[in-house]
Amino acid sequence: MFSFQNLQVWHESRCLVTRVYRLVGQLPIEERFALSDQLRRAVVSIPTNIAEGTSRFSDKEKAHFIEIAYGSLCEVYSLLVTARDLDYITDENLDDQHVQIEAVGRMLCKLRSEYLSR
């Protein structure tokens, strides 16, 4: 078992991937290679960077990858707001995702702080 598999933030970010993928499936077909693709890449990068970062040897490097994951999380939220602005998703859809995004964001900030305080 890899160390990242023990992290709640990794599990929660995987849940976010599933949720966003399901939501992306509701977007218009013309968005398949634009907004949809960007959302998928950004959301998948969150657990991926957590996994990659925790495999690093130095805490500074670990913190750096957690920062990248946090940036991808913010990108996902921004893209979801855009989808809502374009009436591709509802306010309720955005609010539902926002709750999960905030939870993952708090966990990422805590993990980053832990690495930087060692």
PDB file of N, CA and C in Angstrom:
ATOM      1  N   MET A   1       0.843  -1.184   0.000  1.00  0.00           N
ATOM      2  CA  MET A   1       0.000   0.000   0.000  1.00  0.00           C
ATOM      3  C   MET A   1       0.886   1.245   0.000  1.00  0.00           C
ATOM      4  N   PHE A   2       0.569   2.200  -0.864  1.00  0.00           N
ATOM      5  CA  PHE A   2       1.322   3.451  -0.914  1.00  0.00           C
ATOM      6  C   PHE A   2       0.806   4.394   0.172  1.00  0.00           C
ATOM      7  N   SER A   3       1.660   5.283   0.645  1.00  0.00           N
ATOM      8  CA  SER A   3       1.281   6.166   1.749  1.00  0.00           C
ATOM      9  C   SER A   3       0.094   7.068   1.407  1.00  0.00           C
ATOM     10  N   PHE A   4      -0.026   7.496   0.154  1.00  0.00           N
ATOM     11  CA  PHE A   4      -1.134   8.384  -0.203  1.00  0.00           C
ATOM     12  C   PHE A   4      -2.485   7.700  -0.049  1.00  0.00           C
ATOM     13  N   GLN A   5      -2.499   6.377  -0.117  1.00  0.00           N
ATOM     14  CA  GLN A   5      -3.754   5.651   0.013  1.00  0.00           C
ATOM     15  C   GLN A   5      -4.337   5.739   1.417  1.00  0.00           C
ATOM     16  N   ASN A   6      -3.529   6.153   2.377  1.00  0.00           N
ATOM     17  CA  ASN A   6      -3.994   6.339   3.746  1.00  0.00           C
ATOM     18  C   ASN A   6      -4.537   7.740   3.999  1.00  0.00           C
ATOM     19  N   LEU A   7      -4.404   8.625   3.021  1.00  0.00           N
ATOM     20  CA  LEU A   7      -4.805  10.016   3.204  1.00  0.00           C
ATOM     21  C   LEU A   7      -6.275  10.229   2.854  1.00  0.00           C
ATOM     22  N   GLN A   8      -7.013  10.803   3.795  1.00  0.00           N
ATOM     23  CA  GLN A   8      -8.423  11.096   3.557  1.00  0.00           C
ATOM     24  C   GLN A   8      -8.586  12.079   2.392  1.00  0.00           C
ATOM     25  N   VAL A   9      -7.663  13.014   2.251  1.00  0.00           N
ATOM     26  CA  VAL A   9      -7.755  13.997   1.170  1.00  0.00           C
ATOM     27  C   VAL A   9      -7.652  13.324  -0.197  1.00  0.00           C
ATOM     28  N   TRP A  10      -6.867  12.265  -0.289  1.00  0.00           N
ATOM     29  CA  TRP A  10      -6.768  11.538  -1.559  1.00  0.00           C
ATOM     30  C   TRP A  10      -8.105  10.872  -1.885  1.00  0.00           C
ATOM     31  N   HIS A  11      -8.718  10.262  -0.881  1.00  0.00           N
ATOM     32  CA  HIS A  11     -10.016   9.610  -1.086  1.00  0.00           C
ATOM     33  C   HIS A  11     -11.100  10.630  -1.441  1.00  0.00           C
ATOM     34  N   GLU A  12     -11.114  11.754  -0.735  1.00  0.00           N
ATOM     35  CA  GLU A  12     -12.119  12.790  -1.005  1.00  0.00           C
ATOM     36  C   GLU A  12     -11.924  13.412  -2.387  1.00  0.00           C
ATOM     37  N   SER A  13     -10.678  13.558  -2.798  1.00  0.00           N
ATOM     38  CA  SER A  13     -10.435  14.124  -4.133  1.00  0.00           C
ATOM     39  C   SER A  13     -10.854  13.138  -5.220  1.00  0.00           C
ATOM     40  N   ARG A  14     -10.740  11.854  -4.958  1.00  0.00           N
ATOM     41  CA  ARG A  14     -11.231  10.847  -5.910  1.00  0.00           C
ATOM     42  C   ARG A  14     -12.747  10.919  -6.025  1.00  0.00           C
ATOM     43  N   CYS A  15     -13.424  11.162  -4.906  1.00  0.00           N
ATOM     44  CA  CYS A  15     -14.885  11.340  -4.945  1.00  0.00           C
ATOM     45  C   CYS A  15     -15.243  12.554  -5.798  1.00  0.00           C
ATOM     46  N   LEU A  16     -14.453  13.615  -5.657  1.00  0.00           N
ATOM     47  CA  LEU A  16     -14.683  14.808  -6.459  1.00  0.00           C
ATOM     48  C   LEU A  16     -14.515  14.494  -7.944  1.00  0.00           C
ATOM     49  N   VAL A  17     -13.533  13.686  -8.290  1.00  0.00           N
ATOM     50  CA  VAL A  17     -13.337  13.286  -9.688  1.00  0.00           C
ATOM     51  C   VAL A  17     -14.609  12.638 -10.220  1.00  0.00           C
ATOM     52  N   THR A  18     -15.143  11.701  -9.473  1.00  0.00           N
ATOM     53  CA  THR A  18     -16.356  10.998  -9.899  1.00  0.00           C
ATOM     54  C   THR A  18     -17.521  11.962 -10.064  1.00  0.00           C
ATOM     55  N   ARG A  19     -17.683  12.849  -9.107  1.00  0.00           N
ATOM     56  CA  ARG A  19     -18.793  13.812  -9.155  1.00  0.00           C
ATOM     57  C   ARG A  19     -18.672  14.735 -10.365  1.00  0.00           C
ATOM     58  N   VAL A  20     -17.465  15.241 -10.603  1.00  0.00           N
ATOM     59  CA  VAL A  20     -17.268  16.167 -11.719  1.00  0.00           C
ATOM     60  C   VAL A  20     -17.438  15.428 -13.048  1.00  0.00           C
ATOM     61  N   TYR A  21     -16.936  14.231 -13.152  1.00  0.00           N
ATOM     62  CA  TYR A  21     -17.117  13.464 -14.387  1.00  0.00           C
ATOM     63  C   TYR A  21     -18.601  13.251 -14.687  1.00  0.00           C
ATOM     64  N   ARG A  22     -19.380  12.951 -13.679  1.00  0.00           N
ATOM     65  CA  ARG A  22     -20.817  12.777 -13.890  1.00  0.00           C
ATOM     66  C   ARG A  22     -21.468  14.078 -14.333  1.00  0.00           C
ATOM     67  N   LEU A  23     -21.051  15.171 -13.735  1.00  0.00           N
ATOM     68  CA  LEU A  23     -21.597  16.475 -14.096  1.00  0.00           C
ATOM     69  C   LEU A  23     -21.189  16.865 -15.515  1.00  0.00           C
ATOM     70  N   VAL A  24     -19.954  16.583 -15.875  1.00  0.00           N
ATOM     71  CA  VAL A  24     -19.461  16.890 -17.215  1.00  0.00           C
ATOM     72  C   VAL A  24     -20.269  16.143 -18.271  1.00  0.00           C
ATOM     73  N   GLY A  25     -20.741  14.965 -17.921  1.00  0.00           N
ATOM     74  CA  GLY A  25     -21.558  14.199 -18.851  1.00  0.00           C
ATOM     75  C   GLY A  25     -22.854  14.897 -19.234  1.00  0.00           C
ATOM     76  N   GLN A  26     -23.248  15.898 -18.452  1.00  0.00           N
ATOM     77  CA  GLN A  26     -24.468  16.659 -18.731  1.00  0.00           C
ATOM     78  C   GLN A  26     -24.218  17.863 -19.635  1.00  0.00           C
ATOM     79  N   LEU A  27     -22.954  18.190 -19.864  1.00  0.00           N
ATOM     80  CA  LEU A  27     -22.643  19.364 -20.679  1.00  0.00           C
ATOM     81  C   LEU A  27     -22.971  19.083 -22.140  1.00  0.00           C
ATOM     82  N   PRO A  28     -23.237  20.131 -22.911  1.00  0.00           N
ATOM     83  CA  PRO A  28     -23.552  19.945 -24.334  1.00  0.00           C
ATOM     84  C   PRO A  28     -22.401  19.275 -25.084  1.00  0.00           C
ATOM     85  N   ILE A  29     -22.744  18.557 -26.108  1.00  0.00           N
ATOM     86  CA  ILE A  29     -21.766  17.815 -26.899  1.00  0.00           C
ATOM     87  C   ILE A  29     -20.696  18.739 -27.485  1.00  0.00           C
ATOM     88  N   GLU A  30     -21.083  19.968 -27.809  1.00  0.00           N
ATOM     89  CA  GLU A  30     -20.098  20.894 -28.399  1.00  0.00           C
ATOM     90  C   GLU A  30     -19.007  21.293 -27.406  1.00  0.00           C
ATOM     91  N   GLU A  31     -19.218  21.005 -26.133  1.00  0.00           N
ATOM     92  CA  GLU A  31     -18.209  21.314 -25.115  1.00  0.00           C
ATOM     93  C   GLU A  31     -17.290  20.123 -24.827  1.00  0.00           C
ATOM     94  N   ARG A  32     -17.461  19.023 -25.557  1.00  0.00           N
ATOM     95  CA  ARG A  32     -16.696  17.818 -25.270  1.00  0.00           C
ATOM     96  C   ARG A  32     -15.188  18.051 -25.326  1.00  0.00           C
ATOM     97  N   PHE A  33     -14.721  18.877 -26.243  1.00  0.00           N
ATOM     98  CA  PHE A  33     -13.278  19.078 -26.393  1.00  0.00           C
ATOM     99  C   PHE A  33     -12.821  20.439 -25.876  1.00  0.00           C
ATOM    100  N   ALA A  34     -13.667  21.119 -25.179  1.00  0.00           N
ATOM    101  CA  ALA A  34     -13.285  22.419 -24.624  1.00  0.00           C
ATOM    102  C   ALA A  34     -13.441  22.372 -23.108  1.00  0.00           C
ATOM    103  N   LEU A  35     -14.534  22.895 -22.625  1.00  0.00           N
ATOM    104  CA  LEU A  35     -14.766  22.986 -21.185  1.00  0.00           C
ATOM    105  C   LEU A  35     -14.744  21.612 -20.517  1.00  0.00           C
ATOM    106  N   SER A  36     -15.378  20.631 -21.116  1.00  0.00           N
ATOM    107  CA  SER A  36     -15.427  19.279 -20.538  1.00  0.00           C
ATOM    108  C   SER A  36     -14.028  18.693 -20.387  1.00  0.00           C
ATOM    109  N   ASP A  37     -13.246  18.804 -21.432  1.00  0.00           N
ATOM    110  CA  ASP A  37     -11.901  18.243 -21.405  1.00  0.00           C
ATOM    111  C   ASP A  37     -11.040  18.938 -20.360  1.00  0.00           C
ATOM    112  N   GLN A  38     -11.147  20.246 -20.283  1.00  0.00           N
ATOM    113  CA  GLN A  38     -10.356  21.001 -19.305  1.00  0.00           C
ATOM    114  C   GLN A  38     -10.765  20.635 -17.884  1.00  0.00           C
ATOM    115  N   LEU A  39     -12.059  20.489 -17.652  1.00  0.00           N
ATOM    116  CA  LEU A  39     -12.544  20.086 -16.325  1.00  0.00           C
ATOM    117  C   LEU A  39     -12.014  18.709 -15.947  1.00  0.00           C
ATOM    118  N   ARG A  40     -12.077  17.782 -16.866  1.00  0.00           N
ATOM    119  CA  ARG A  40     -11.596  16.421 -16.579  1.00  0.00           C
ATOM    120  C   ARG A  40     -10.108  16.416 -16.245  1.00  0.00           C
ATOM    121  N   ARG A  41      -9.328  17.124 -17.044  1.00  0.00           N
ATOM    122  CA  ARG A  41      -7.881  17.157 -16.786  1.00  0.00           C
ATOM    123  C   ARG A  41      -7.573  17.797 -15.439  1.00  0.00           C
ATOM    124  N   ALA A  42      -8.266  18.879 -15.127  1.00  0.00           N
ATOM    125  CA  ALA A  42      -7.999  19.584 -13.869  1.00  0.00           C
ATOM    126  C   ALA A  42      -8.391  18.738 -12.659  1.00  0.00           C
ATOM    127  N   VAL A  43      -9.558  18.108 -12.717  1.00  0.00           N
ATOM    128  CA  VAL A  43     -10.016  17.365 -11.549  1.00  0.00           C
ATOM    129  C   VAL A  43      -9.190  16.100 -11.323  1.00  0.00           C
ATOM    130  N   VAL A  44      -8.754  15.456 -12.395  1.00  0.00           N
ATOM    131  CA  VAL A  44      -7.926  14.264 -12.258  1.00  0.00           C
ATOM    132  C   VAL A  44      -6.553  14.619 -11.700  1.00  0.00           C
ATOM    133  N   SER A  45      -6.103  15.813 -11.980  1.00  0.00           N
ATOM    134  CA  SER A  45      -4.785  16.219 -11.512  1.00  0.00           C
ATOM    135  C   SER A  45      -4.721  16.390  -9.993  1.00  0.00           C
ATOM    136  N   ILE A  46      -5.856  16.533  -9.335  1.00  0.00           N
ATOM    137  CA  ILE A  46      -5.847  16.723  -7.874  1.00  0.00           C
ATOM    138  C   ILE A  46      -5.352  15.461  -7.160  1.00  0.00           C
ATOM    139  N   PRO A  47      -6.036  14.316  -7.279  1.00  0.00           N
ATOM    140  CA  PRO A  47      -5.515  13.129  -6.586  1.00  0.00           C
ATOM    141  C   PRO A  47      -4.175  12.660  -7.151  1.00  0.00           C
ATOM    142  N   THR A  48      -3.939  12.929  -8.434  1.00  0.00           N
ATOM    143  CA  THR A  48      -2.680  12.523  -9.044  1.00  0.00           C
ATOM    144  C   THR A  48      -1.506  13.265  -8.411  1.00  0.00           C
ATOM    145  N   ASN A  49      -1.653  14.572  -8.210  1.00  0.00           N
ATOM    146  CA  ASN A  49      -0.575  15.349  -7.586  1.00  0.00           C
ATOM    147  C   ASN A  49      -0.417  15.013  -6.115  1.00  0.00           C
ATOM    148  N   ILE A  50      -1.505  14.667  -5.442  1.00  0.00           N
ATOM    149  CA  ILE A  50      -1.390  14.214  -4.050  1.00  0.00           C
ATOM    150  C   ILE A  50      -0.547  12.943  -4.008  1.00  0.00           C
ATOM    151  N   ALA A  51      -0.874  12.004  -4.889  1.00  0.00           N
ATOM    152  CA  ALA A  51      -0.126  10.742  -4.933  1.00  0.00           C
ATOM    153  C   ALA A  51       1.343  10.975  -5.277  1.00  0.00           C
ATOM    154  N   GLU A  52       1.583  11.776  -6.305  1.00  0.00           N
ATOM    155  CA  GLU A  52       2.964  12.022  -6.702  1.00  0.00           C
ATOM    156  C   GLU A  52       3.729  12.769  -5.621  1.00  0.00           C
ATOM    157  N   GLY A  53       3.091  13.753  -5.026  1.00  0.00           N
ATOM    158  CA  GLY A  53       3.768  14.549  -4.010  1.00  0.00           C
ATOM    159  C   GLY A  53       4.154  13.757  -2.778  1.00  0.00           C
ATOM    160  N   THR A  54       3.273  12.898  -2.338  1.00  0.00           N
ATOM    161  CA  THR A  54       3.581  12.131  -1.126  1.00  0.00           C
ATOM    162  C   THR A  54       4.679  11.104  -1.362  1.00  0.00           C
ATOM    163  N   SER A  55       4.999  10.849  -2.621  1.00  0.00           N
ATOM    164  CA  SER A  55       6.082   9.908  -2.917  1.00  0.00           C
ATOM    165  C   SER A  55       7.446  10.580  -2.886  1.00  0.00           C
ATOM    166  N   ARG A  56       7.460  11.892  -2.808  1.00  0.00           N
ATOM    167  CA  ARG A  56       8.728  12.630  -2.796  1.00  0.00           C
ATOM    168  C   ARG A  56       9.407  12.476  -1.439  1.00  0.00           C
ATOM    169  N   PHE A  57      10.714  12.648  -1.418  1.00  0.00           N
ATOM    170  CA  PHE A  57      11.464  12.440  -0.191  1.00  0.00           C
ATOM    171  C   PHE A  57      11.513  13.677   0.690  1.00  0.00           C
ATOM    172  N   SER A  58      11.586  14.850   0.092  1.00  0.00           N
ATOM    173  CA  SER A  58      11.683  16.050   0.928  1.00  0.00           C
ATOM    174  C   SER A  58      10.291  16.625   1.192  1.00  0.00           C
ATOM    175  N   ASP A  59      10.124  17.159   2.382  1.00  0.00           N
ATOM    176  CA  ASP A  59       8.845  17.776   2.746  1.00  0.00           C
ATOM    177  C   ASP A  59       8.554  19.004   1.889  1.00  0.00           C
ATOM    178  N   LYS A  60       9.601  19.708   1.479  1.00  0.00           N
ATOM    179  CA  LYS A  60       9.412  20.869   0.613  1.00  0.00           C
ATOM    180  C   LYS A  60       8.812  20.447  -0.727  1.00  0.00           C
ATOM    181  N   GLU A  61       9.321  19.371  -1.298  1.00  0.00           N
ATOM    182  CA  GLU A  61       8.762  18.862  -2.554  1.00  0.00           C
ATOM    183  C   GLU A  61       7.329  18.368  -2.359  1.00  0.00           C
ATOM    184  N   LYS A  62       7.087  17.687  -1.252  1.00  0.00           N
ATOM    185  CA  LYS A  62       5.738  17.207  -0.958  1.00  0.00           C
ATOM    186  C   LYS A  62       4.771  18.382  -0.907  1.00  0.00           C
ATOM    187  N   ALA A  63       5.155  19.429  -0.202  1.00  0.00           N
ATOM    188  CA  ALA A  63       4.308  20.619  -0.084  1.00  0.00           C
ATOM    189  C   ALA A  63       4.068  21.245  -1.457  1.00  0.00           C
ATOM    190  N   HIS A  64       5.082  21.246  -2.302  1.00  0.00           N
ATOM    191  CA  HIS A  64       4.946  21.825  -3.644  1.00  0.00           C
ATOM    192  C   HIS A  64       3.868  21.102  -4.454  1.00  0.00           C
ATOM    193  N   PHE A  65       3.856  19.791  -4.404  1.00  0.00           N
ATOM    194  CA  PHE A  65       2.848  19.036  -5.154  1.00  0.00           C
ATOM    195  C   PHE A  65       1.449  19.230  -4.573  1.00  0.00           C
ATOM    196  N   ILE A  66       1.368  19.422  -3.273  1.00  0.00           N
ATOM    197  CA  ILE A  66       0.066  19.708  -2.649  1.00  0.00           C
ATOM    198  C   ILE A  66      -0.416  21.079  -3.124  1.00  0.00           C
ATOM    199  N   GLU A  67       0.509  22.019  -3.281  1.00  0.00           N
ATOM    200  CA  GLU A  67       0.151  23.335  -3.827  1.00  0.00           C
ATOM    201  C   GLU A  67      -0.367  23.212  -5.259  1.00  0.00           C
ATOM    202  N   ILE A  68       0.231  22.359  -6.045  1.00  0.00           N
ATOM    203  CA  ILE A  68      -0.230  22.138  -7.417  1.00  0.00           C
ATOM    204  C   ILE A  68      -1.636  21.543  -7.396  1.00  0.00           C
ATOM    205  N   ALA A  69      -1.869  20.588  -6.505  1.00  0.00           N
ATOM    206  CA  ALA A  69      -3.200  19.989  -6.375  1.00  0.00           C
ATOM    207  C   ALA A  69      -4.226  21.057  -5.987  1.00  0.00           C
ATOM    208  N   TYR A  70      -3.832  21.959  -5.098  1.00  0.00           N
ATOM    209  CA  TYR A  70      -4.731  23.036  -4.675  1.00  0.00           C
ATOM    210  C   TYR A  70      -5.039  23.967  -5.857  1.00  0.00           C
ATOM    211  N   GLY A  71      -4.031  24.258  -6.654  1.00  0.00           N
ATOM    212  CA  GLY A  71      -4.251  25.084  -7.848  1.00  0.00           C
ATOM    213  C   GLY A  71      -5.220  24.427  -8.812  1.00  0.00           C
ATOM    214  N   SER A  72      -5.098  23.134  -8.992  1.00  0.00           N
ATOM    215  CA  SER A  72      -6.034  22.403  -9.850  1.00  0.00           C
ATOM    216  C   SER A  72      -7.439  22.427  -9.269  1.00  0.00           C
ATOM    217  N   LEU A  73      -7.543  22.345  -7.964  1.00  0.00           N
ATOM    218  CA  LEU A  73      -8.844  22.428  -7.301  1.00  0.00           C
ATOM    219  C   LEU A  73      -9.509  23.777  -7.583  1.00  0.00           C
ATOM    220  N   CYS A  74      -8.740  24.843  -7.498  1.00  0.00           N
ATOM    221  CA  CYS A  74      -9.274  26.178  -7.802  1.00  0.00           C
ATOM    222  C   CYS A  74      -9.660  26.281  -9.277  1.00  0.00           C
ATOM    223  N   GLU A  75      -8.884  25.668 -10.135  1.00  0.00           N
ATOM    224  CA  GLU A  75      -9.205  25.644 -11.562  1.00  0.00           C
ATOM    225  C   GLU A  75     -10.545  24.945 -11.801  1.00  0.00           C
ATOM    226  N   VAL A  76     -10.761  23.821 -11.122  1.00  0.00           N
ATOM    227  CA  VAL A  76     -12.030  23.095 -11.252  1.00  0.00           C
ATOM    228  C   VAL A  76     -13.192  23.982 -10.849  1.00  0.00           C
ATOM    229  N   TYR A  77     -13.049  24.657  -9.722  1.00  0.00           N
ATOM    230  CA  TYR A  77     -14.143  25.520  -9.269  1.00  0.00           C
ATOM    231  C   TYR A  77     -14.413  26.631 -10.280  1.00  0.00           C
ATOM    232  N   SER A  78     -13.363  27.264 -10.775  1.00  0.00           N
ATOM    233  CA  SER A  78     -13.529  28.333 -11.744  1.00  0.00           C
ATOM    234  C   SER A  78     -14.226  27.837 -13.009  1.00  0.00           C
ATOM    235  N   LEU A  79     -13.845  26.658 -13.467  1.00  0.00           N
ATOM    236  CA  LEU A  79     -14.475  26.086 -14.667  1.00  0.00           C
ATOM    237  C   LEU A  79     -15.937  25.739 -14.415  1.00  0.00           C
ATOM    238  N   LEU A  80     -16.246  25.282 -13.210  1.00  0.00           N
ATOM    239  CA  LEU A  80     -17.642  24.997 -12.874  1.00  0.00           C
ATOM    240  C   LEU A  80     -18.470  26.275 -12.823  1.00  0.00           C
ATOM    241  N   VAL A  81     -17.882  27.350 -12.320  1.00  0.00           N
ATOM    242  CA  VAL A  81     -18.576  28.645 -12.323  1.00  0.00           C
ATOM    243  C   VAL A  81     -18.851  29.073 -13.758  1.00  0.00           C
ATOM    244  N   THR A  82     -17.869  28.875 -14.628  1.00  0.00           N
ATOM    245  CA  THR A  82     -18.062  29.194 -16.043  1.00  0.00           C
ATOM    246  C   THR A  82     -19.201  28.365 -16.631  1.00  0.00           C
ATOM    247  N   ALA A  83     -19.229  27.089 -16.306  1.00  0.00           N
ATOM    248  CA  ALA A  83     -20.306  26.213 -16.793  1.00  0.00           C
ATOM    249  C   ALA A  83     -21.667  26.708 -16.304  1.00  0.00           C
ATOM    250  N   ARG A  84     -21.705  27.174 -15.071  1.00  0.00           N
ATOM    251  CA  ARG A  84     -22.953  27.729 -14.545  1.00  0.00           C
ATOM    252  C   ARG A  84     -23.307  29.035 -15.257  1.00  0.00           C
ATOM    253  N   ASP A  85     -22.324  29.883 -15.469  1.00  0.00           N
ATOM    254  CA  ASP A  85     -22.559  31.151 -16.167  1.00  0.00           C
ATOM    255  C   ASP A  85     -23.117  30.925 -17.571  1.00  0.00           C
ATOM    256  N   LEU A  86     -22.721  29.827 -18.181  1.00  0.00           N
ATOM    257  CA  LEU A  86     -23.195  29.492 -19.524  1.00  0.00           C
ATOM    258  C   LEU A  86     -24.502  28.685 -19.491  1.00  0.00           C
ATOM    259  N   ASP A  87     -25.056  28.526 -18.300  1.00  0.00           N
ATOM    260  CA  ASP A  87     -26.293  27.756 -18.087  1.00  0.00           C
ATOM    261  C   ASP A  87     -26.156  26.293 -18.473  1.00  0.00           C
ATOM    262  N   TYR A  88     -24.946  25.749 -18.363  1.00  0.00           N
ATOM    263  CA  TYR A  88     -24.738  24.325 -18.604  1.00  0.00           C
ATOM    264  C   TYR A  88     -25.045  23.504 -17.358  1.00  0.00           C
ATOM    265  N   ILE A  89     -24.839  24.114 -16.189  1.00  0.00           N
ATOM    266  CA  ILE A  89     -25.186  23.469 -14.932  1.00  0.00           C
ATOM    267  C   ILE A  89     -25.999  24.465 -14.104  1.00  0.00           C
ATOM    268  N   THR A  90     -26.693  23.950 -13.113  1.00  0.00           N
ATOM    269  CA  THR A  90     -27.536  24.801 -12.273  1.00  0.00           C
ATOM    270  C   THR A  90     -26.757  25.343 -11.081  1.00  0.00           C
ATOM    271  N   ASP A  91     -27.347  26.325 -10.425  1.00  0.00           N
ATOM    272  CA  ASP A  91     -26.770  26.830  -9.175  1.00  0.00           C
ATOM    273  C   ASP A  91     -26.659  25.705  -8.159  1.00  0.00           C
ATOM    274  N   GLU A  92     -27.652  24.840  -8.133  1.00  0.00           N
ATOM    275  CA  GLU A  92     -27.640  23.710  -7.191  1.00  0.00           C
ATOM    276  C   GLU A  92     -26.482  22.762  -7.495  1.00  0.00           C
ATOM    277  N   ASN A  93     -26.249  22.486  -8.782  1.00  0.00           N
ATOM    278  CA  ASN A  93     -25.107  21.642  -9.163  1.00  0.00           C
ATOM    279  C   ASN A  93     -23.795  22.258  -8.671  1.00  0.00           C
ATOM    280  N   LEU A  94     -23.652  23.546  -8.875  1.00  0.00           N
ATOM    281  CA  LEU A  94     -22.436  24.236  -8.453  1.00  0.00           C
ATOM    282  C   LEU A  94     -22.301  24.210  -6.939  1.00  0.00           C
ATOM    283  N   ASP A  95     -23.386  24.479  -6.237  1.00  0.00           N
ATOM    284  CA  ASP A  95     -23.347  24.466  -4.770  1.00  0.00           C
ATOM    285  C   ASP A  95     -22.955  23.093  -4.238  1.00  0.00           C
ATOM    286  N   ASP A  96     -23.486  22.044  -4.846  1.00  0.00           N
ATOM    287  CA  ASP A  96     -23.147  20.684  -4.420  1.00  0.00           C
ATOM    288  C   ASP A  96     -21.656  20.415  -4.577  1.00  0.00           C
ATOM    289  N   GLN A  97     -21.098  20.836  -5.681  1.00  0.00           N
ATOM    290  CA  GLN A  97     -19.666  20.630  -5.916  1.00  0.00           C
ATOM    291  C   GLN A  97     -18.830  21.525  -5.003  1.00  0.00           C
ATOM    292  N   HIS A  98     -19.333  22.719  -4.736  1.00  0.00           N
ATOM    293  CA  HIS A  98     -18.593  23.670  -3.918  1.00  0.00           C
ATOM    294  C   HIS A  98     -18.340  23.116  -2.521  1.00  0.00           C
ATOM    295  N   VAL A  99     -19.313  22.411  -1.967  1.00  0.00           N
ATOM    296  CA  VAL A  99     -19.152  21.815  -0.639  1.00  0.00           C
ATOM    297  C   VAL A  99     -17.971  20.838  -0.647  1.00  0.00           C
ATOM    298  N   GLN A 100     -17.915  19.972  -1.654  1.00  0.00           N
ATOM    299  CA  GLN A 100     -16.825  18.994  -1.753  1.00  0.00           C
ATOM    300  C   GLN A 100     -15.497  19.691  -2.031  1.00  0.00           C
ATOM    301  N   ILE A 101     -15.519  20.704  -2.862  1.00  0.00           N
ATOM    302  CA  ILE A 101     -14.296  21.446  -3.189  1.00  0.00           C
ATOM    303  C   ILE A 101     -13.736  22.129  -1.947  1.00  0.00           C
ATOM    304  N   GLU A 102     -14.599  22.746  -1.160  1.00  0.00           N
ATOM    305  CA  GLU A 102     -14.134  23.381   0.081  1.00  0.00           C
ATOM    306  C   GLU A 102     -13.529  22.369   1.043  1.00  0.00           C
ATOM    307  N   ALA A 103     -14.158  21.210   1.163  1.00  0.00           N
ATOM    308  CA  ALA A 103     -13.646  20.175   2.064  1.00  0.00           C
ATOM    309  C   ALA A 103     -12.261  19.711   1.622  1.00  0.00           C
ATOM    310  N   VAL A 104     -12.098  19.450   0.336  1.00  0.00           N
ATOM    311  CA  VAL A 104     -10.798  19.025  -0.181  1.00  0.00           C
ATOM    312  C   VAL A 104      -9.780  20.151  -0.002  1.00  0.00           C
ATOM    313  N   GLY A 105     -10.183  21.375  -0.245  1.00  0.00           N
ATOM    314  CA  GLY A 105      -9.279  22.511  -0.081  1.00  0.00           C
ATOM    315  C   GLY A 105      -8.762  22.645   1.343  1.00  0.00           C
ATOM    316  N   ARG A 106      -9.642  22.480   2.314  1.00  0.00           N
ATOM    317  CA  ARG A 106      -9.210  22.548   3.717  1.00  0.00           C
ATOM    318  C   ARG A 106      -8.204  21.441   4.033  1.00  0.00           C
ATOM    319  N   MET A 107      -8.466  20.249   3.532  1.00  0.00           N
ATOM    320  CA  MET A 107      -7.558  19.126   3.787  1.00  0.00           C
ATOM    321  C   MET A 107      -6.198  19.341   3.122  1.00  0.00           C
ATOM    322  N   LEU A 108      -6.216  19.885   1.920  1.00  0.00           N
ATOM    323  CA  LEU A 108      -4.952  20.169   1.236  1.00  0.00           C
ATOM    324  C   LEU A 108      -4.138  21.211   1.998  1.00  0.00           C
ATOM    325  N   CYS A 109      -4.796  22.253   2.468  1.00  0.00           N
ATOM    326  CA  CYS A 109      -4.089  23.295   3.232  1.00  0.00           C
ATOM    327  C   CYS A 109      -3.487  22.727   4.512  1.00  0.00           C
ATOM    328  N   LYS A 110      -4.241  21.862   5.170  1.00  0.00           N
ATOM    329  CA  LYS A 110      -3.733  21.248   6.399  1.00  0.00           C
ATOM    330  C   LYS A 110      -2.535  20.359   6.107  1.00  0.00           C
ATOM    331  N   LEU A 111      -2.631  19.551   5.042  1.00  0.00           N
ATOM    332  CA  LEU A 111      -1.526  18.662   4.689  1.00  0.00           C
ATOM    333  C   LEU A 111      -0.287  19.467   4.318  1.00  0.00           C
ATOM    334  N   ARG A 112      -0.464  20.520   3.556  1.00  0.00           N
ATOM    335  CA  ARG A 112       0.664  21.380   3.183  1.00  0.00           C
ATOM    336  C   ARG A 112       1.327  21.964   4.421  1.00  0.00           C
ATOM    337  N   SER A 113       0.524  22.455   5.346  1.00  0.00           N
ATOM    338  CA  SER A 113       1.052  23.012   6.593  1.00  0.00           C
ATOM    339  C   SER A 113       1.848  21.975   7.389  1.00  0.00           C
ATOM    340  N   GLU A 114       1.343  20.748   7.406  1.00  0.00           N
ATOM    341  CA  GLU A 114       2.054  19.688   8.110  1.00  0.00           C
ATOM    342  C   GLU A 114       3.435  19.448   7.508  1.00  0.00           C
ATOM    343  N   TYR A 115       3.488  19.427   6.176  1.00  0.00           N
ATOM    344  CA  TYR A 115       4.785  19.213   5.530  1.00  0.00           C
ATOM    345  C   TYR A 115       5.746  20.370   5.788  1.00  0.00           C
ATOM    346  N   LEU A 116       5.225  21.578   5.782  1.00  0.00           N
ATOM    347  CA  LEU A 116       6.095  22.749   5.946  1.00  0.00           C
ATOM    348  C   LEU A 116       6.511  22.973   7.398  1.00  0.00           C
ATOM    349  N   SER A 117       5.802  22.365   8.331  1.00  0.00           N
ATOM    350  CA  SER A 117       6.150  22.592   9.741  1.00  0.00           C
ATOM    351  C   SER A 117       7.142  21.564  10.281  1.00  0.00           C
ATOM    352  N   ARG A 118       7.516  20.617   9.452  1.00  0.00           N
ATOM    353  CA  ARG A 118       8.468  19.579   9.921  1.00  0.00           C
ATOM    354  C   ARG A 118       9.880  20.081   9.916  1.00  0.00           C
TER     355      ARG A 118
END
